[in-house]
N, C-alpha and C. Protein backbone atom coordinates (compact mmCIF):
# COMPACT_ATOMS: atom_id res chain seq x y z
N UNK A 1 4.51 -1.89 29.55
CA UNK A 1 3.95 -2.09 28.41
C UNK A 1 4.74 -1.25 27.34
N UNK A 2 4.89 -2.35 26.26
CA UNK A 2 5.53 -1.74 25.15
C UNK A 2 4.86 -0.76 24.23
N UNK A 3 5.63 0.32 23.62
CA UNK A 3 4.74 1.18 22.81
C UNK A 3 4.30 0.86 21.60
N UNK A 4 3.48 1.53 20.89
CA UNK A 4 3.18 0.89 19.57
C UNK A 4 4.17 1.51 18.58
N UNK A 5 4.60 0.62 17.67
CA UNK A 5 5.41 1.22 16.68
C UNK A 5 4.90 1.62 15.49
N UNK A 6 5.50 2.55 14.60
CA UNK A 6 4.73 3.10 13.52
C UNK A 6 5.50 2.22 12.16
N UNK A 7 6.42 1.52 12.47
CA UNK A 7 7.06 0.93 11.59
C UNK A 7 6.56 -0.54 11.42
N UNK A 8 6.14 -0.72 10.35
CA UNK A 8 5.39 -2.22 10.27
C UNK A 8 6.71 -3.43 10.22
N UNK A 9 7.94 -3.15 9.81
CA UNK A 9 8.76 -4.05 9.70
C UNK A 9 9.26 -4.52 11.26
N UNK A 10 8.91 -3.73 12.21
CA UNK A 10 9.31 -4.19 13.60
C UNK A 10 8.94 -5.47 13.97
N UNK A 11 7.76 -6.10 13.50
CA UNK A 11 7.27 -7.34 13.64
C UNK A 11 8.11 -8.46 13.31
N UNK A 12 8.76 -8.11 12.18
CA UNK A 12 9.90 -9.09 11.68
C UNK A 12 11.12 -9.43 12.65
N UNK A 13 11.42 -8.57 13.74
CA UNK A 13 12.66 -8.57 14.58
C UNK A 13 13.87 -8.45 13.61
N UNK A 14 14.97 -9.37 14.12
CA UNK A 14 16.30 -9.02 13.21
C UNK A 14 16.40 -9.95 12.23
N UNK A 15 15.35 -10.64 11.71
CA UNK A 15 15.16 -11.47 10.58
C UNK A 15 15.46 -10.75 9.30
N UNK A 16 15.66 -11.54 8.12
CA UNK A 16 16.16 -11.11 6.74
C UNK A 16 16.86 -9.94 6.35
N UNK A 17 17.55 -9.41 7.26
CA UNK A 17 18.37 -8.18 7.03
C UNK A 17 17.88 -6.85 7.12
N UNK A 18 18.56 -5.85 7.11
CA UNK A 18 17.77 -4.45 7.46
C UNK A 18 17.39 -4.03 5.99
N UNK A 19 18.20 -4.32 4.85
CA UNK A 19 17.94 -3.86 3.43
C UNK A 19 16.42 -4.19 3.18
N UNK A 20 16.11 -5.43 3.17
CA UNK A 20 15.00 -6.36 2.76
C UNK A 20 13.93 -5.84 3.80
N UNK A 21 14.08 -5.68 5.02
CA UNK A 21 12.96 -5.28 5.90
C UNK A 21 12.50 -3.68 5.50
N UNK A 22 13.43 -2.90 5.13
CA UNK A 22 13.22 -1.54 4.96
C UNK A 22 12.44 -1.48 3.41
N UNK A 23 12.83 -2.53 2.39
CA UNK A 23 12.17 -2.39 1.17
C UNK A 23 10.71 -2.97 1.30
N UNK A 24 10.58 -4.07 2.24
CA UNK A 24 9.18 -4.48 2.56
C UNK A 24 8.16 -3.54 2.96
N UNK A 25 8.81 -2.97 4.08
CA UNK A 25 8.08 -1.94 4.76
C UNK A 25 7.46 -0.82 3.86
N UNK A 26 8.50 -0.33 2.91
CA UNK A 26 8.07 0.84 1.90
C UNK A 26 6.98 0.15 1.15
N UNK A 27 7.09 -1.03 0.55
CA UNK A 27 5.95 -1.72 -0.27
C UNK A 27 4.62 -1.77 0.45
N UNK A 28 4.89 -2.22 1.42
CA UNK A 28 3.50 -2.57 2.21
C UNK A 28 2.82 -1.08 2.77
N UNK A 29 3.64 -0.22 3.10
CA UNK A 29 2.83 1.00 3.46
C UNK A 29 2.35 1.64 2.42
N UNK A 30 3.02 1.56 0.94
CA UNK A 30 2.52 2.03 -0.12
C UNK A 30 1.27 1.41 -0.49
N UNK A 31 1.16 0.16 -0.58
CA UNK A 31 0.05 -0.88 -0.78
C UNK A 31 -1.25 -0.34 0.14
N UNK A 32 -0.99 -0.10 1.41
CA UNK A 32 -2.14 0.07 2.64
C UNK A 32 -2.39 1.56 2.53
N UNK A 33 -1.74 2.53 1.79
CA UNK A 33 -2.27 4.05 1.83
C UNK A 33 -3.22 4.16 1.01
N UNK A 34 -4.00 5.46 0.91
CA UNK A 34 -4.95 5.71 0.19
C UNK A 34 -4.14 6.23 -1.15
N UNK A 35 -4.87 6.04 -2.33
CA UNK A 35 -4.47 6.55 -3.80
C UNK A 35 -5.59 7.50 -4.37
N UNK A 36 -5.31 8.20 -5.25
CA UNK A 36 -6.20 9.22 -6.23
C UNK A 36 -6.90 8.22 -7.01
N UNK A 37 -8.29 8.53 -7.03
CA UNK A 37 -9.24 7.80 -7.87
C UNK A 37 -9.03 8.41 -9.52
N UNK A 38 -9.00 7.69 -10.59
CA UNK A 38 -8.91 8.11 -11.73
C UNK A 38 -10.16 8.69 -12.16
N UNK A 39 -11.40 8.32 -11.59
CA UNK A 39 -12.53 8.77 -12.10
C UNK A 39 -13.05 9.99 -11.41
N UNK A 40 -12.96 9.76 -9.96
CA UNK A 40 -13.63 11.21 -9.33
C UNK A 40 -12.51 12.03 -8.71
N UNK A 41 -11.37 11.56 -8.83
CA UNK A 41 -10.30 12.34 -8.29
C UNK A 41 -10.17 12.61 -6.86
N UNK A 42 -10.84 11.64 -6.15
CA UNK A 42 -10.58 11.94 -4.55
C UNK A 42 -9.67 10.85 -4.34
N UNK A 43 -9.16 11.08 -3.02
CA UNK A 43 -8.09 10.31 -2.30
C UNK A 43 -8.74 9.10 -1.59
N UNK A 44 -9.51 8.17 -2.20
CA UNK A 44 -10.23 7.21 -1.58
C UNK A 44 -9.96 5.61 -1.82
N UNK A 45 -9.04 5.56 -2.88
CA UNK A 45 -8.64 4.29 -3.39
C UNK A 45 -7.88 3.45 -2.66
N UNK A 46 -8.56 2.22 -2.23
CA UNK A 46 -7.75 1.19 -1.39
C UNK A 46 -7.50 -0.03 -2.19
N UNK A 47 -6.63 -0.80 -1.87
CA UNK A 47 -6.36 -1.97 -2.49
C UNK A 47 -7.36 -3.11 -1.70
N UNK A 48 -8.02 -3.65 -2.81
CA UNK A 48 -8.81 -4.90 -2.35
C UNK A 48 -8.29 -6.35 -2.37
N UNK A 49 -7.39 -6.45 -3.33
CA UNK A 49 -6.68 -7.66 -3.54
C UNK A 49 -5.53 -7.34 -4.33
N UNK A 50 -4.76 -8.34 -4.60
CA UNK A 50 -3.49 -7.96 -5.46
C UNK A 50 -3.74 -7.51 -6.82
N UNK A 51 -3.90 -6.53 -7.04
CA UNK A 51 -4.04 -5.82 -8.55
C UNK A 51 -5.46 -5.36 -8.49
N UNK A 52 -6.08 -5.52 -7.52
CA UNK A 52 -7.51 -5.09 -7.60
C UNK A 52 -7.73 -3.80 -6.62
N UNK A 53 -8.22 -2.53 -7.17
CA UNK A 53 -8.31 -1.46 -6.52
C UNK A 53 -9.86 -1.01 -6.45
N UNK A 54 -10.20 -0.27 -5.50
CA UNK A 54 -11.51 0.26 -5.61
C UNK A 54 -11.60 1.61 -4.71
N UNK A 55 -12.29 2.40 -5.33
CA UNK A 55 -12.61 3.82 -4.83
C UNK A 55 -13.85 3.59 -3.85
N UNK A 56 -13.59 4.10 -2.65
CA UNK A 56 -14.69 4.13 -1.47
C UNK A 56 -15.69 5.13 -1.79
N UNK A 57 -15.49 5.98 -2.61
CA UNK A 57 -16.30 7.18 -2.83
C UNK A 57 -17.36 7.00 -4.06
N UNK A 58 -16.72 6.76 -5.14
CA UNK A 58 -17.54 6.37 -6.31
C UNK A 58 -17.85 4.82 -6.60
N UNK A 59 -17.17 4.05 -5.89
CA UNK A 59 -17.26 2.74 -6.19
C UNK A 59 -16.72 2.02 -7.30
N UNK A 60 -15.78 2.72 -8.03
CA UNK A 60 -15.17 2.36 -9.17
C UNK A 60 -14.16 1.34 -8.71
N UNK A 61 -14.37 0.12 -9.53
CA UNK A 61 -13.25 -1.12 -9.18
C UNK A 61 -12.37 -1.28 -10.36
N UNK A 62 -11.08 -1.48 -10.25
CA UNK A 62 -10.32 -1.21 -11.42
C UNK A 62 -9.08 -2.06 -11.14
N UNK A 63 -8.37 -2.83 -12.32
CA UNK A 63 -7.20 -3.38 -12.16
C UNK A 63 -6.09 -2.60 -12.25
N UNK A 64 -4.96 -2.60 -11.27
CA UNK A 64 -3.62 -2.04 -11.46
C UNK A 64 -2.55 -2.77 -11.17
N UNK A 65 -1.53 -2.37 -10.65
CA UNK A 65 -0.34 -3.15 -10.18
C UNK A 65 -0.51 -3.68 -9.13
N UNK A 66 0.04 -4.69 -8.63
CA UNK A 66 0.05 -5.39 -7.36
C UNK A 66 0.01 -4.50 -6.09
N UNK A 67 0.93 -3.73 -6.06
CA UNK A 67 1.09 -2.86 -4.83
C UNK A 67 0.78 -1.30 -5.26
N UNK A 68 0.37 -0.88 -6.25
CA UNK A 68 0.05 0.56 -6.57
C UNK A 68 -0.76 0.47 -7.75
N UNK A 69 -1.81 1.45 -7.67
CA UNK A 69 -2.94 1.22 -8.58
C UNK A 69 -2.33 1.72 -10.00
N UNK A 70 -1.49 2.76 -10.15
CA UNK A 70 -1.32 3.23 -11.60
C UNK A 70 0.08 2.55 -12.18
N UNK A 71 0.33 3.19 -13.43
CA UNK A 71 1.71 2.75 -13.89
C UNK A 71 2.74 3.31 -13.17
N UNK A 72 4.10 2.75 -12.90
CA UNK A 72 5.09 3.13 -12.30
C UNK A 72 6.12 3.99 -13.49
N UNK A 73 6.36 5.13 -13.05
CA UNK A 73 7.14 5.83 -13.89
C UNK A 73 8.60 5.55 -13.34
N UNK A 74 9.56 5.37 -14.32
CA UNK A 74 10.93 5.00 -13.95
C UNK A 74 11.76 6.17 -14.67
């Protein structure tokens, strides 16, 4: 029985090139992780849809970027 992998890009196999798989895995991991709520400061914000974020503690629903809730600092 194959072991469960922690890298989400393993499902793509050898397709699309290693650099694109690494970038895609980083974006998806960031989008699926929890983030800090701007209202109650808890780490319970999850992505509902593209650009829609919701805190599971206080129920605040707000718009943000597609893959992260806040502004990106460059």
